[in-house]
C-alpha atoms as a PDB file:
ATOM      1  CA  MET A   1     146.669 -48.052 248.918  1.00  0.00           C
ATOM      2  CA  PRO A   2     144.522 -49.136 251.868  1.00  0.00           C
ATOM      3  CA  ASN A   3     141.789 -46.536 251.261  1.00  0.00           C
ATOM      4  CA  MET A   4     140.895 -47.785 247.769  1.00  0.00           C
ATOM      5  CA  GLY A   5     137.265 -48.867 247.778  1.00  0.00           C
ATOM      6  CA  CYS A   6     136.536 -47.488 251.253  1.00  0.00           C
ATOM      7  CA  ALA A   7     133.192 -45.956 252.080  1.00  0.00           C
ATOM      8  CA  MET A   8     132.872 -42.322 250.998  1.00  0.00           C
ATOM      9  CA  SER A   9     135.781 -42.588 248.521  1.00  0.00           C
ATOM     10  CA  ARG A  10     135.553 -41.673 244.846  1.00  0.00           C
ATOM     11  CA  PHE A  11     134.967 -44.465 242.331  1.00  0.00           C
ATOM     12  CA  GLY A  12     137.161 -43.002 239.596  1.00  0.00           C
ATOM     13  CA  ARG A  13     140.860 -42.664 240.246  1.00  0.00           C
ATOM     14  CA  ASN A  14     141.911 -41.325 236.854  1.00  0.00           C
ATOM     15  CA  PHE A  15     142.672 -37.801 238.068  1.00  0.00           C
ATOM     16  CA  PRO A  16     144.901 -36.559 240.887  1.00  0.00           C
ATOM     17  CA  ARG A  17     142.953 -35.410 243.947  1.00  0.00           C
ATOM     18  CA  LYS A  18     144.095 -31.800 243.499  1.00  0.00           C
ATOM     19  CA  TYR A  19     141.941 -31.649 240.329  1.00  0.00           C
ATOM     20  CA  CYS A  20     138.856 -33.228 241.924  1.00  0.00           C
ATOM     21  CA  GLN A  21     136.357 -31.626 244.240  1.00  0.00           C
ATOM     22  CA  LYS A  22     135.194 -33.569 247.274  1.00  0.00           C
ATOM     23  CA  PRO A  23     131.574 -34.598 246.657  1.00  0.00           C
ATOM     24  CA  THR A  24     128.890 -33.168 248.902  1.00  0.00           C
ATOM     25  CA  GLU A  25     126.508 -35.371 250.852  1.00  0.00           C
ATOM     26  CA  GLU A  26     123.822 -34.549 248.273  1.00  0.00           C
ATOM     27  CA  ASP A  27     126.141 -35.588 245.413  1.00  0.00           C
ATOM     28  CA  LEU A  28     126.777 -38.943 247.087  1.00  0.00           C
ATOM     29  CA  TRP A  29     123.055 -39.659 247.471  1.00  0.00           C
ATOM     30  CA  THR A  30     121.895 -38.445 244.028  1.00  0.00           C
ATOM     31  CA  PRO A  31     120.496 -40.623 242.613  1.00  0.00           C
ATOM     32  CA  ASN A  32     119.597 -42.477 245.777  1.00  0.00           C
ATOM     33  CA  PRO A  33     121.345 -45.884 245.603  1.00  0.00           C
ATOM     34  CA  VAL A  34     118.691 -47.520 247.791  1.00  0.00           C
ATOM     35  CA  LEU A  35     115.892 -46.394 245.463  1.00  0.00           C
ATOM     36  CA  ILE A  36     117.835 -47.531 242.383  1.00  0.00           C
ATOM     37  CA  SER A  37     118.553 -50.913 243.966  1.00  0.00           C
ATOM     38  CA  ASP A  38     114.909 -51.388 244.979  1.00  0.00           C
ATOM     39  CA  ARG A  39     113.724 -50.655 241.440  1.00  0.00           C
ATOM     40  CA  PHE A  40     116.300 -52.914 239.767  1.00  0.00           C
ATOM     41  CA  MET A  41     115.730 -55.775 242.184  1.00  0.00           C
ATOM     42  CA  ALA A  42     111.927 -55.535 242.308  1.00  0.00           C
ATOM     43  CA  ARG A  43     110.023 -58.683 241.456  1.00  0.00           C
ATOM     44  CA  THR A  44     107.877 -58.623 238.350  1.00  0.00           C
ATOM     45  CA  PRO A  45     104.191 -59.636 238.399  1.00  0.00           C
ATOM     46  CA  GLU A  46     105.247 -62.851 236.629  1.00  0.00           C
ATOM     47  CA  GLY A  47     107.584 -63.756 239.499  1.00  0.00           C
ATOM     48  CA  PHE A  48     111.307 -64.390 239.358  1.00  0.00           C
ATOM     49  CA  VAL A  49     112.771 -64.317 235.838  1.00  0.00           C
ATOM     50  CA  PRO A  50     116.351 -65.647 235.735  1.00  0.00           C
ATOM     51  CA  ALA A  51     118.867 -63.979 233.445  1.00  0.00           C
ATOM     52  CA  SER A  52     119.661 -66.144 230.449  1.00  0.00           C
ATOM     53  CA  THR A  53     122.880 -64.300 229.561  1.00  0.00           C
ATOM     54  CA  LEU A  54     125.410 -62.046 231.230  1.00  0.00           C
ATOM     55  CA  ASN A  55     123.942 -58.583 230.796  1.00  0.00           C
ATOM     56  CA  LEU A  56     125.761 -55.285 230.190  1.00  0.00           C
ATOM     57  CA  LEU A  57     125.190 -54.056 233.739  1.00  0.00           C
ATOM     58  CA  ALA A  58     127.004 -57.103 235.118  1.00  0.00           C
ATOM     59  CA  ALA A  59     129.807 -56.700 232.576  1.00  0.00           C
ATOM     60  CA  ALA A  60     130.247 -53.016 233.480  1.00  0.00           C
ATOM     61  CA  TRP A  61     130.345 -53.889 237.200  1.00  0.00           C
ATOM     62  CA  ILE A  62     132.975 -56.581 236.624  1.00  0.00           C
ATOM     63  CA  GLN A  63     135.108 -54.144 234.613  1.00  0.00           C
ATOM     64  CA  PHE A  64     134.761 -51.523 237.371  1.00  0.00           C
ATOM     65  CA  GLN A  65     135.815 -54.005 240.036  1.00  0.00           C
ATOM     66  CA  THR A  66     138.775 -55.245 238.005  1.00  0.00           C
ATOM     67  CA  HIS A  67     140.044 -51.704 237.495  1.00  0.00           C
ATOM     68  CA  ASP A  68     139.790 -51.071 241.223  1.00  0.00           C
ATOM     69  CA  TRP A  69     141.564 -54.311 242.164  1.00  0.00           C
ATOM     70  CA  PHE A  70     144.671 -53.620 240.128  1.00  0.00           C
ATOM     71  CA  ASN A  71     146.966 -50.623 240.410  1.00  0.00           C
ATOM     72  CA  HIS A  72     147.971 -49.521 236.917  1.00  0.00           C
ATOM     73  CA  GLU A  73     151.005 -47.518 237.982  1.00  0.00           C
ATOM     74  CA  ASP A  74     154.583 -48.445 237.055  1.00  0.00           C
ATOM     75  CA  VAL A  75     156.214 -49.582 240.292  1.00  0.00           C
ATOM     76  CA  SER A  76     159.712 -50.155 238.923  1.00  0.00           C
END
């Protein structure tokens, strides 16, 4: 499946395409990923504060990536 993870492709692949509407340009940019990234990555007045544990956002991202890396279909 060479298109998995390509730009402009859906994140979720739990439903067949015939049941999913193609997102509009506005849907893809709401909320604006650049704005979200800037707010999450902004420095605090205290300076850089390293994470002391693996947070839930990182865990959710790892789970998302793992589900995208592996195809869960029966190929036999």
